[in-house]
């Protein structure tokens, strides 16, 4: 009978291996903490000004027309819960005014949530009413504005000197251009075809809407078309696109120039945040477009 053997025991890991594993784990945890701090505390408040030149064939508007676009402010009171407080919004208004735009377009979602923290349309209008532009300030309401109180937003913004459009086309004073404002699609206020039918034949226009999906029903309108709503997904993953895209919108088409129907639309990443207070690889922005004639 062969001699019995005691069961073998696994050799303990060398101390050096254990230290290496612990160091790696600490590095991973530190990187995760830094990434979280960046995404929650820094990038959502790191607003970019983007300057974009737009050339339009046979442009009939003023040469070098400067059009500022500032969307999705999502303004609220509580500094610990809201990225865009009223003091921060006032500072951005000052920055836009300092750039001396000729026209300002505001594509909606001015309210954070539904005003649960006590923020009112009148308080927001007092901030945005400070915006100044030679040819005026134009706005459409977003889904958060309608969910809060669309009627109060319309009234308060207009009282503050802002032209609020709901599926309307109006002349841009002192120019041959028009401004077209399309209602919000999420809350069933958009009638893009009705708005476009108000344009004279061959008119050039500045078109603003909250939801870029509204552009699917537009005819081709020469000029500039802008939208908001998507926030660029707030988190942009390289080689993939937005981590989240609203209402079935393509995850790789939430920011920048996108062809929607027959329109070439600029979708802005907006200024605030919604649902989750995080941005990563998708800075908040306001945009200054400079409009000129395309070379022949």
C-alpha atoms as a PDB file:
ATOM      1  CA  UNK A   1       0.000   0.000   0.000  1.00  0.00           C
ATOM      2  CA  UNK A   2       1.524   3.331  -1.073  1.00  0.00           C
ATOM      3  CA  UNK A   3       2.277   5.837   1.647  1.00  0.00           C
ATOM      4  CA  UNK A   4      -0.446   8.472   2.176  1.00  0.00           C
ATOM      5  CA  UNK A   5       0.234  12.040   1.086  1.00  0.00           C
ATOM      6  CA  UNK A   6      -1.098  15.183   2.649  1.00  0.00           C
ATOM      7  CA  UNK A   7      -3.145  17.374   0.267  1.00  0.00           C
ATOM      8  CA  UNK A   8      -1.080  20.009  -1.504  1.00  0.00           C
ATOM      9  CA  UNK A   9      -1.668  23.651  -0.597  1.00  0.00           C
ATOM     10  CA  UNK A  10      -1.448  26.531  -3.080  1.00  0.00           C
ATOM     11  CA  UNK A  11       1.671  28.560  -2.704  1.00  0.00           C
ATOM     12  CA  UNK A  12       1.010  32.024  -1.266  1.00  0.00           C
ATOM     13  CA  UNK A  13       1.367  34.863  -3.723  1.00  0.00           C
ATOM     14  CA  UNK A  14       4.655  36.647  -3.412  1.00  0.00           C
ATOM     15  CA  UNK A  15       4.433  39.945  -1.543  1.00  0.00           C
ATOM     16  CA  UNK A  16       5.641  41.783  -4.611  1.00  0.00           C
ATOM     17  CA  UNK A  17       2.679  40.501  -6.672  1.00  0.00           C
ATOM     18  CA  UNK A  18       0.216  41.491  -3.951  1.00  0.00           C
ATOM     19  CA  UNK A  19       1.665  45.013  -3.803  1.00  0.00           C
ATOM     20  CA  UNK A  20       1.415  45.328  -7.596  1.00  0.00           C
ATOM     21  CA  UNK A  21      -2.253  44.301  -7.551  1.00  0.00           C
ATOM     22  CA  UNK A  22      -3.019  46.755  -4.756  1.00  0.00           C
ATOM     23  CA  UNK A  23      -1.232  49.593  -6.570  1.00  0.00           C
ATOM     24  CA  UNK A  24      -3.149  48.845  -9.769  1.00  0.00           C
ATOM     25  CA  UNK A  25      -6.428  48.805  -7.890  1.00  0.00           C
ATOM     26  CA  UNK A  26      -5.618  52.113  -6.213  1.00  0.00           C
ATOM     27  CA  UNK A  27      -4.728  53.692  -9.564  1.00  0.00           C
ATOM     28  CA  UNK A  28      -8.000  52.475 -11.084  1.00  0.00           C
ATOM     29  CA  UNK A  29      -9.999  53.819  -8.135  1.00  0.00           C
ATOM     30  CA  UNK A  30      -8.163  57.154  -8.269  1.00  0.00           C
ATOM     31  CA  UNK A  31      -8.796  57.475 -12.016  1.00  0.00           C
ATOM     32  CA  UNK A  32     -12.477  56.665 -11.495  1.00  0.00           C
ATOM     33  CA  UNK A  33     -12.718  59.305  -8.754  1.00  0.00           C
ATOM     34  CA  UNK A  34     -10.994  61.918 -10.919  1.00  0.00           C
ATOM     35  CA  UNK A  35     -13.245  61.063 -13.877  1.00  0.00           C
ATOM     36  CA  UNK A  36     -16.331  61.381 -11.695  1.00  0.00           C
ATOM     37  CA  UNK A  37     -15.151  64.727 -10.297  1.00  0.00           C
ATOM     38  CA  UNK A  38     -14.414  66.021 -13.802  1.00  0.00           C
ATOM     39  CA  UNK A  39     -17.761  64.859 -15.200  1.00  0.00           C
ATOM     40  CA  UNK A  40     -19.853  66.211 -12.327  1.00  0.00           C
ATOM     41  CA  UNK A  41     -17.989  69.277 -11.059  1.00  0.00           C
ATOM     42  CA  UNK A  42     -15.903  70.660 -13.919  1.00  0.00           C
ATOM     43  CA  UNK A  43     -17.042  69.885 -17.467  1.00  0.00           C
ATOM     44  CA  UNK A  44     -20.743  70.723 -16.935  1.00  0.00           C
ATOM     45  CA  UNK A  45     -19.640  74.248 -15.934  1.00  0.00           C
ATOM     46  CA  UNK A  46     -16.865  74.638 -18.559  1.00  0.00           C
ATOM     47  CA  UNK A  47     -18.837  76.542 -21.179  1.00  0.00           C
ATOM     48  CA  UNK A  48     -17.333  76.833 -24.651  1.00  0.00           C
ATOM     49  CA  UNK A  49     -17.871  79.649 -27.108  1.00  0.00           C
ATOM     50  CA  UNK A  50     -17.770  78.174 -30.608  1.00  0.00           C
ATOM     51  CA  UNK A  51     -17.282  80.382 -33.670  1.00  0.00           C
ATOM     52  CA  UNK A  52     -18.572  78.916 -36.924  1.00  0.00           C
ATOM     53  CA  UNK A  53     -18.495  80.511 -40.370  1.00  0.00           C
ATOM     54  CA  UNK A  54     -21.480  79.740 -42.595  1.00  0.00           C
ATOM     55  CA  UNK A  55     -21.436  80.500 -46.313  1.00  0.00           C
ATOM     56  CA  UNK A  56     -24.766  80.648 -48.130  1.00  0.00           C
ATOM     57  CA  UNK A  57     -25.038  80.741 -51.950  1.00  0.00           C
ATOM     58  CA  UNK A  58     -26.397  84.114 -53.088  1.00  0.00           C
ATOM     59  CA  UNK A  59     -26.605  85.328 -49.493  1.00  0.00           C
ATOM     60  CA  UNK A  60     -28.834  88.386 -49.355  1.00  0.00           C
ATOM     61  CA  UNK A  61     -28.445  89.242 -45.678  1.00  0.00           C
ATOM     62  CA  UNK A  62     -25.925  91.667 -44.182  1.00  0.00           C
ATOM     63  CA  UNK A  63     -22.333  90.577 -44.813  1.00  0.00           C
ATOM     64  CA  UNK A  64     -20.764  89.082 -41.712  1.00  0.00           C
ATOM     65  CA  UNK A  65     -24.107  88.797 -39.877  1.00  0.00           C
ATOM     66  CA  UNK A  66     -23.352  87.458 -36.385  1.00  0.00           C
ATOM     67  CA  UNK A  67     -25.977  85.050 -35.076  1.00  0.00           C
ATOM     68  CA  UNK A  68     -25.588  83.818 -31.494  1.00  0.00           C
ATOM     69  CA  UNK A  69     -27.340  80.574 -30.520  1.00  0.00           C
ATOM     70  CA  UNK A  70     -27.808  79.607 -26.868  1.00  0.00           C
ATOM     71  CA  UNK A  71     -30.051  76.652 -26.086  1.00  0.00           C
ATOM     72  CA  UNK A  72     -31.091  74.373 -23.222  1.00  0.00           C
ATOM     73  CA  UNK A  73     -30.185  76.642 -20.318  1.00  0.00           C
ATOM     74  CA  UNK A  74     -32.105  74.543 -17.741  1.00  0.00           C
ATOM     75  CA  UNK A  75     -31.908  77.292 -15.130  1.00  0.00           C
ATOM     76  CA  UNK A  76     -32.621  76.507 -11.467  1.00  0.00           C
ATOM     77  CA  UNK A  77     -31.946  77.876  -7.980  1.00  0.00           C
ATOM     78  CA  UNK A  78     -30.331  75.094  -5.969  1.00  0.00           C
ATOM     79  CA  UNK A  79     -26.570  75.293  -6.529  1.00  0.00           C
ATOM     80  CA  UNK A  80     -25.959  71.785  -5.183  1.00  0.00           C
ATOM     81  CA  UNK A  81     -28.524  70.210  -7.513  1.00  0.00           C
ATOM     82  CA  UNK A  82     -28.533  72.514 -10.537  1.00  0.00           C
ATOM     83  CA  UNK A  83     -25.609  73.167 -12.833  1.00  0.00           C
ATOM     84  CA  UNK A  84     -27.111  76.358 -14.291  1.00  0.00           C
ATOM     85  CA  UNK A  85     -28.028  78.703 -11.477  1.00  0.00           C
ATOM     86  CA  UNK A  86     -29.343  82.214 -12.063  1.00  0.00           C
ATOM     87  CA  UNK A  87     -25.944  83.850 -11.258  1.00  0.00           C
ATOM     88  CA  UNK A  88     -24.198  81.541 -13.745  1.00  0.00           C
ATOM     89  CA  UNK A  89     -26.832  82.254 -16.387  1.00  0.00           C
ATOM     90  CA  UNK A  90     -26.351  85.988 -15.841  1.00  0.00           C
ATOM     91  CA  UNK A  91     -22.609  85.574 -16.395  1.00  0.00           C
ATOM     92  CA  UNK A  92     -23.229  83.775 -19.710  1.00  0.00           C
ATOM     93  CA  UNK A  93     -25.634  86.545 -20.759  1.00  0.00           C
ATOM     94  CA  UNK A  94     -22.848  89.048 -20.104  1.00  0.00           C
ATOM     95  CA  UNK A  95     -20.436  86.990 -22.210  1.00  0.00           C
ATOM     96  CA  UNK A  96     -22.850  86.780 -25.140  1.00  0.00           C
ATOM     97  CA  UNK A  97     -23.611  90.499 -24.969  1.00  0.00           C
ATOM     98  CA  UNK A  98     -19.894  91.298 -24.930  1.00  0.00           C
ATOM     99  CA  UNK A  99     -19.543  89.468 -28.259  1.00  0.00           C
ATOM    100  CA  UNK A 100     -22.038  91.950 -29.799  1.00  0.00           C
ATOM    101  CA  UNK A 101     -24.205  89.566 -31.853  1.00  0.00           C
ATOM    102  CA  UNK A 102     -26.522  90.964 -34.511  1.00  0.00           C
ATOM    103  CA  UNK A 103     -29.210  88.355 -33.783  1.00  0.00           C
ATOM    104  CA  UNK A 104     -29.740  85.942 -30.886  1.00  0.00           C
ATOM    105  CA  UNK A 105     -31.633  82.649 -31.248  1.00  0.00           C
ATOM    106  CA  UNK A 106     -32.819  80.742 -28.165  1.00  0.00           C
ATOM    107  CA  UNK A 107     -34.045  77.212 -29.064  1.00  0.00           C
ATOM    108  CA  UNK A 108     -35.846  76.468 -25.796  1.00  0.00           C
ATOM    109  CA  UNK A 109     -35.658  74.507 -22.533  1.00  0.00           C
ATOM    110  CA  UNK A 110     -34.989  77.448 -20.275  1.00  0.00           C
ATOM    111  CA  UNK A 111     -36.299  75.720 -17.125  1.00  0.00           C
ATOM    112  CA  UNK A 112     -34.534  73.037 -15.094  1.00  0.00           C
ATOM    113  CA  UNK A 113     -36.953  70.191 -14.472  1.00  0.00           C
ATOM    114  CA  UNK A 114     -40.432  71.613 -14.009  1.00  0.00           C
ATOM    115  CA  UNK A 115     -39.567  74.367 -11.568  1.00  0.00           C
ATOM    116  CA  UNK A 116     -39.676  72.080  -8.519  1.00  0.00           C
ATOM    117  CA  UNK A 117     -37.122  74.248  -6.714  1.00  0.00           C
ATOM    118  CA  UNK A 118     -39.311  77.344  -6.972  1.00  0.00           C
ATOM    119  CA  UNK A 119     -37.711  78.859 -10.075  1.00  0.00           C
ATOM    120  CA  UNK A 120     -40.350  80.721 -12.097  1.00  0.00           C
ATOM    121  CA  UNK A 121     -40.704  81.683 -15.767  1.00  0.00           C
ATOM    122  CA  UNK A 122     -40.634  85.325 -14.688  1.00  0.00           C
ATOM    123  CA  UNK A 123     -37.241  84.913 -12.962  1.00  0.00           C
ATOM    124  CA  UNK A 124     -35.803  83.223 -16.033  1.00  0.00           C
ATOM    125  CA  UNK A 125     -37.237  85.900 -18.326  1.00  0.00           C
ATOM    126  CA  UNK A 126     -35.544  88.571 -16.195  1.00  0.00           C
ATOM    127  CA  UNK A 127     -32.189  86.892 -16.942  1.00  0.00           C
ATOM    128  CA  UNK A 128     -32.707  86.236 -20.656  1.00  0.00           C
ATOM    129  CA  UNK A 129     -34.325  89.628 -21.151  1.00  0.00           C
ATOM    130  CA  UNK A 130     -30.890  91.161 -20.580  1.00  0.00           C
ATOM    131  CA  UNK A 131     -29.670  89.686 -23.888  1.00  0.00           C
ATOM    132  CA  UNK A 132     -29.145  92.382 -26.502  1.00  0.00           C
ATOM    133  CA  UNK A 133     -28.775  92.171 -30.278  1.00  0.00           C
ATOM    134  CA  UNK A 134     -29.097  94.683 -33.096  1.00  0.00           C
ATOM    135  CA  UNK A 135     -31.890  92.804 -34.889  1.00  0.00           C
ATOM    136  CA  UNK A 136     -33.511  91.265 -31.836  1.00  0.00           C
ATOM    137  CA  UNK A 137     -33.708  88.136 -29.688  1.00  0.00           C
ATOM    138  CA  UNK A 138     -35.918  85.236 -30.848  1.00  0.00           C
ATOM    139  CA  UNK A 139     -37.015  82.152 -28.910  1.00  0.00           C
ATOM    140  CA  UNK A 140     -39.051  78.986 -29.119  1.00  0.00           C
ATOM    141  CA  UNK A 141     -40.184  77.005 -26.077  1.00  0.00           C
ATOM    142  CA  UNK A 142     -38.839  73.535 -25.278  1.00  0.00           C
ATOM    143  CA  UNK A 143     -40.546  70.573 -23.653  1.00  0.00           C
ATOM    144  CA  UNK A 144     -39.475  71.578 -20.112  1.00  0.00           C
ATOM    145  CA  UNK A 145     -40.925  75.054 -20.634  1.00  0.00           C
ATOM    146  CA  UNK A 146     -44.262  73.658 -21.784  1.00  0.00           C
ATOM    147  CA  UNK A 147     -44.294  71.106 -18.946  1.00  0.00           C
ATOM    148  CA  UNK A 148     -43.734  73.927 -16.444  1.00  0.00           C
ATOM    149  CA  UNK A 149     -46.192  76.507 -17.790  1.00  0.00           C
ATOM    150  CA  UNK A 150     -46.020  77.359 -21.479  1.00  0.00           C
ATOM    151  CA  UNK A 151     -48.423  80.263 -21.231  1.00  0.00           C
ATOM    152  CA  UNK A 152     -46.430  81.955 -18.471  1.00  0.00           C
ATOM    153  CA  UNK A 153     -43.198  81.482 -20.400  1.00  0.00           C
ATOM    154  CA  UNK A 154     -44.693  83.033 -23.530  1.00  0.00           C
ATOM    155  CA  UNK A 155     -45.996  86.012 -21.582  1.00  0.00           C
ATOM    156  CA  UNK A 156     -42.909  86.607 -19.438  1.00  0.00           C
ATOM    157  CA  UNK A 157     -40.380  86.270 -22.261  1.00  0.00           C
ATOM    158  CA  UNK A 158     -42.354  88.622 -24.475  1.00  0.00           C
ATOM    159  CA  UNK A 159     -42.673  91.117 -21.634  1.00  0.00           C
ATOM    160  CA  UNK A 160     -38.867  90.994 -21.346  1.00  0.00           C
ATOM    161  CA  UNK A 161     -38.473  92.011 -25.014  1.00  0.00           C
ATOM    162  CA  UNK A 162     -37.924  88.561 -26.550  1.00  0.00           C
ATOM    163  CA  UNK A 163     -39.879  87.552 -29.670  1.00  0.00           C
ATOM    164  CA  UNK A 164     -41.368  84.112 -28.956  1.00  0.00           C
ATOM    165  CA  UNK A 165     -42.369  82.182 -32.078  1.00  0.00           C
ATOM    166  CA  UNK A 166     -44.753  79.249 -32.305  1.00  0.00           C
ATOM    167  CA  UNK A 167     -44.772  77.840 -35.848  1.00  0.00           C
ATOM    168  CA  UNK A 168     -44.354  81.352 -37.195  1.00  0.00           C
ATOM    169  CA  UNK A 169     -42.208  83.169 -39.734  1.00  0.00           C
ATOM    170  CA  UNK A 170     -41.478  86.861 -39.242  1.00  0.00           C
ATOM    171  CA  UNK A 171     -39.276  89.324 -41.146  1.00  0.00           C
ATOM    172  CA  UNK A 172     -35.922  90.207 -39.602  1.00  0.00           C
ATOM    173  CA  UNK A 173     -36.252  94.003 -39.308  1.00  0.00           C
ATOM    174  CA  UNK A 174     -34.148  96.055 -41.686  1.00  0.00           C
ATOM    175  CA  UNK A 175     -33.014  93.035 -43.734  1.00  0.00           C
ATOM    176  CA  UNK A 176     -34.429  90.806 -46.500  1.00  0.00           C
ATOM    177  CA  UNK A 177     -34.153  87.820 -44.140  1.00  0.00           C
ATOM    178  CA  UNK A 178     -36.820  85.981 -42.159  1.00  0.00           C
ATOM    179  CA  UNK A 179     -36.840  84.186 -38.819  1.00  0.00           C
ATOM    180  CA  UNK A 180     -38.769  80.920 -38.551  1.00  0.00           C
ATOM    181  CA  UNK A 181     -39.577  79.468 -35.120  1.00  0.00           C
ATOM    182  CA  UNK A 182     -40.991  75.944 -34.847  1.00  0.00           C
ATOM    183  CA  UNK A 183     -42.846  74.648 -31.790  1.00  0.00           C
ATOM    184  CA  UNK A 184     -41.688  71.775 -29.608  1.00  0.00           C
ATOM    185  CA  UNK A 185     -42.205  68.290 -30.998  1.00  0.00           C
ATOM    186  CA  UNK A 186     -42.179  66.333 -27.705  1.00  0.00           C
ATOM    187  CA  UNK A 187     -45.220  68.225 -26.416  1.00  0.00           C
ATOM    188  CA  UNK A 188     -46.943  68.108 -29.831  1.00  0.00           C
ATOM    189  CA  UNK A 189     -46.593  71.844 -30.525  1.00  0.00           C
ATOM    190  CA  UNK A 190     -44.597  71.601 -33.771  1.00  0.00           C
ATOM    191  CA  UNK A 191     -46.118  72.405 -37.161  1.00  0.00           C
ATOM    192  CA  UNK A 192     -43.047  72.771 -39.390  1.00  0.00           C
ATOM    193  CA  UNK A 193     -44.921  72.866 -42.687  1.00  0.00           C
ATOM    194  CA  UNK A 194     -47.290  75.565 -41.428  1.00  0.00           C
ATOM    195  CA  UNK A 195     -44.311  77.678 -40.352  1.00  0.00           C
ATOM    196  CA  UNK A 196     -42.510  77.229 -43.685  1.00  0.00           C
ATOM    197  CA  UNK A 197     -45.616  78.133 -45.694  1.00  0.00           C
ATOM    198  CA  UNK A 198     -45.474  81.641 -44.244  1.00  0.00           C
ATOM    199  CA  UNK A 199     -42.194  82.360 -46.046  1.00  0.00           C
ATOM    200  CA  UNK A 200     -42.214  84.225 -49.356  1.00  0.00           C
ATOM    201  CA  UNK A 201     -40.978  82.185 -52.300  1.00  0.00           C
ATOM    202  CA  UNK A 202     -37.166  81.960 -52.341  1.00  0.00           C
ATOM    203  CA  UNK A 203     -36.776  83.621 -48.938  1.00  0.00           C
ATOM    204  CA  UNK A 204     -33.617  83.106 -46.908  1.00  0.00           C
ATOM    205  CA  UNK A 205     -34.164  82.530 -43.215  1.00  0.00           C
ATOM    206  CA  UNK A 206     -32.778  81.833 -39.785  1.00  0.00           C
ATOM    207  CA  UNK A 207     -34.700  78.768 -38.573  1.00  0.00           C
ATOM    208  CA  UNK A 208     -34.781  77.664 -34.945  1.00  0.00           C
ATOM    209  CA  UNK A 209     -36.505  74.712 -33.309  1.00  0.00           C
ATOM    210  CA  UNK A 210     -36.106  72.836 -30.065  1.00  0.00           C
ATOM    211  CA  UNK A 211     -36.186  69.238 -31.303  1.00  0.00           C
ATOM    212  CA  UNK A 212     -34.088  68.574 -34.443  1.00  0.00           C
ATOM    213  CA  UNK A 213     -36.607  65.905 -35.504  1.00  0.00           C
ATOM    214  CA  UNK A 214     -38.958  68.756 -36.486  1.00  0.00           C
ATOM    215  CA  UNK A 215     -36.643  69.468 -39.443  1.00  0.00           C
ATOM    216  CA  UNK A 216     -37.734  66.204 -41.097  1.00  0.00           C
ATOM    217  CA  UNK A 217     -40.926  67.939 -42.219  1.00  0.00           C
ATOM    218  CA  UNK A 218     -39.315  71.117 -43.504  1.00  0.00           C
ATOM    219  CA  UNK A 219     -38.729  71.987 -47.148  1.00  0.00           C
ATOM    220  CA  UNK A 220     -35.244  73.165 -48.056  1.00  0.00           C
ATOM    221  CA  UNK A 221     -34.840  76.687 -46.643  1.00  0.00           C
ATOM    222  CA  UNK A 222     -31.615  78.537 -47.511  1.00  0.00           C
ATOM    223  CA  UNK A 223     -29.865  80.225 -44.595  1.00  0.00           C
ATOM    224  CA  UNK A 224     -29.189  78.785 -41.142  1.00  0.00           C
ATOM    225  CA  UNK A 225     -31.128  76.091 -39.256  1.00  0.00           C
ATOM    226  CA  UNK A 226     -30.396  75.318 -35.596  1.00  0.00           C
ATOM    227  CA  UNK A 227     -31.816  73.020 -32.916  1.00  0.00           C
ATOM    228  CA  UNK A 228     -31.134  71.930 -29.349  1.00  0.00           C
ATOM    229  CA  UNK A 229     -32.788  69.311 -27.115  1.00  0.00           C
ATOM    230  CA  UNK A 230     -30.164  66.533 -27.377  1.00  0.00           C
ATOM    231  CA  UNK A 231     -27.434  68.144 -25.205  1.00  0.00           C
ATOM    232  CA  UNK A 232     -25.019  66.147 -27.357  1.00  0.00           C
ATOM    233  CA  UNK A 233     -26.061  63.267 -25.119  1.00  0.00           C
ATOM    234  CA  UNK A 234     -24.013  64.949 -22.345  1.00  0.00           C
ATOM    235  CA  UNK A 235     -21.665  61.941 -22.433  1.00  0.00           C
ATOM    236  CA  UNK A 236     -19.900  61.362 -25.770  1.00  0.00           C
ATOM    237  CA  UNK A 237     -18.102  58.056 -26.272  1.00  0.00           C
ATOM    238  CA  UNK A 238     -15.364  58.060 -28.959  1.00  0.00           C
ATOM    239  CA  UNK A 239     -16.194  55.916 -32.028  1.00  0.00           C
ATOM    240  CA  UNK A 240     -19.752  55.420 -30.764  1.00  0.00           C
ATOM    241  CA  UNK A 241     -21.458  58.721 -30.037  1.00  0.00           C
ATOM    242  CA  UNK A 242     -23.853  59.700 -27.271  1.00  0.00           C
ATOM    243  CA  UNK A 243     -24.311  57.355 -24.345  1.00  0.00           C
ATOM    244  CA  UNK A 244     -27.973  58.462 -24.374  1.00  0.00           C
ATOM    245  CA  UNK A 245     -29.948  60.059 -27.197  1.00  0.00           C
ATOM    246  CA  UNK A 246     -33.474  61.379 -26.578  1.00  0.00           C
ATOM    247  CA  UNK A 247     -36.617  59.915 -28.093  1.00  0.00           C
ATOM    248  CA  UNK A 248     -34.982  57.517 -30.521  1.00  0.00           C
ATOM    249  CA  UNK A 249     -32.692  60.114 -32.098  1.00  0.00           C
ATOM    250  CA  UNK A 250     -29.533  58.568 -33.668  1.00  0.00           C
ATOM    251  CA  UNK A 251     -26.837  58.364 -30.975  1.00  0.00           C
ATOM    252  CA  UNK A 252     -24.116  59.493 -33.396  1.00  0.00           C
ATOM    253  CA  UNK A 253     -26.010  62.615 -34.580  1.00  0.00           C
ATOM    254  CA  UNK A 254     -26.627  64.552 -31.387  1.00  0.00           C
ATOM    255  CA  UNK A 255     -24.147  67.393 -31.901  1.00  0.00           C
ATOM    256  CA  UNK A 256     -22.795  69.506 -34.734  1.00  0.00           C
ATOM    257  CA  UNK A 257     -23.873  69.599 -38.373  1.00  0.00           C
ATOM    258  CA  UNK A 258     -26.417  66.925 -39.278  1.00  0.00           C
ATOM    259  CA  UNK A 259     -28.513  66.429 -42.404  1.00  0.00           C
ATOM    260  CA  UNK A 260     -32.162  66.095 -41.339  1.00  0.00           C
ATOM    261  CA  UNK A 261     -34.629  65.692 -44.170  1.00  0.00           C
ATOM    262  CA  UNK A 262     -33.711  68.429 -46.657  1.00  0.00           C
ATOM    263  CA  UNK A 263     -32.103  70.688 -44.058  1.00  0.00           C
ATOM    264  CA  UNK A 264     -28.479  70.982 -42.931  1.00  0.00           C
ATOM    265  CA  UNK A 265     -29.010  71.525 -39.191  1.00  0.00           C
ATOM    266  CA  UNK A 266     -26.583  72.542 -36.459  1.00  0.00           C
ATOM    267  CA  UNK A 267     -27.514  70.751 -33.226  1.00  0.00           C
ATOM    268  CA  UNK A 268     -26.013  72.520 -30.247  1.00  0.00           C
ATOM    269  CA  UNK A 269     -24.922  70.720 -27.082  1.00  0.00           C
ATOM    270  CA  UNK A 270     -26.689  73.427 -25.054  1.00  0.00           C
ATOM    271  CA  UNK A 271     -25.661  75.107 -21.845  1.00  0.00           C
ATOM    272  CA  UNK A 272     -27.229  73.132 -18.995  1.00  0.00           C
ATOM    273  CA  UNK A 273     -27.907  69.513 -18.100  1.00  0.00           C
ATOM    274  CA  UNK A 274     -31.026  67.435 -17.655  1.00  0.00           C
ATOM    275  CA  UNK A 275     -31.908  64.177 -15.855  1.00  0.00           C
ATOM    276  CA  UNK A 276     -28.340  63.556 -14.672  1.00  0.00           C
ATOM    277  CA  UNK A 277     -25.875  66.384 -13.802  1.00  0.00           C
ATOM    278  CA  UNK A 278     -22.996  64.956 -15.817  1.00  0.00           C
ATOM    279  CA  UNK A 279     -21.059  65.877 -18.933  1.00  0.00           C
ATOM    280  CA  UNK A 280     -18.083  64.019 -20.357  1.00  0.00           C
ATOM    281  CA  UNK A 281     -16.378  64.793 -23.667  1.00  0.00           C
ATOM    282  CA  UNK A 282     -19.334  67.059 -24.491  1.00  0.00           C
ATOM    283  CA  UNK A 283     -18.837  70.568 -23.165  1.00  0.00           C
ATOM    284  CA  UNK A 284     -21.759  72.959 -22.818  1.00  0.00           C
ATOM    285  CA  UNK A 285     -21.642  75.671 -25.455  1.00  0.00           C
ATOM    286  CA  UNK A 286     -23.079  78.736 -27.025  1.00  0.00           C
ATOM    287  CA  UNK A 287     -22.326  79.332 -30.700  1.00  0.00           C
ATOM    288  CA  UNK A 288     -21.609  82.423 -32.754  1.00  0.00           C
ATOM    289  CA  UNK A 289     -22.331  81.888 -36.456  1.00  0.00           C
ATOM    290  CA  UNK A 290     -20.974  84.409 -38.969  1.00  0.00           C
ATOM    291  CA  UNK A 291     -23.076  84.472 -42.133  1.00  0.00           C
ATOM    292  CA  UNK A 292     -21.597  85.402 -45.494  1.00  0.00           C
ATOM    293  CA  UNK A 293     -22.033  84.728 -49.197  1.00  0.00           C
ATOM    294  CA  UNK A 294     -20.447  81.591 -50.617  1.00  0.00           C
ATOM    295  CA  UNK A 295     -17.736  82.317 -53.189  1.00  0.00           C
ATOM    296  CA  UNK A 296     -18.888  81.925 -56.765  1.00  0.00           C
END
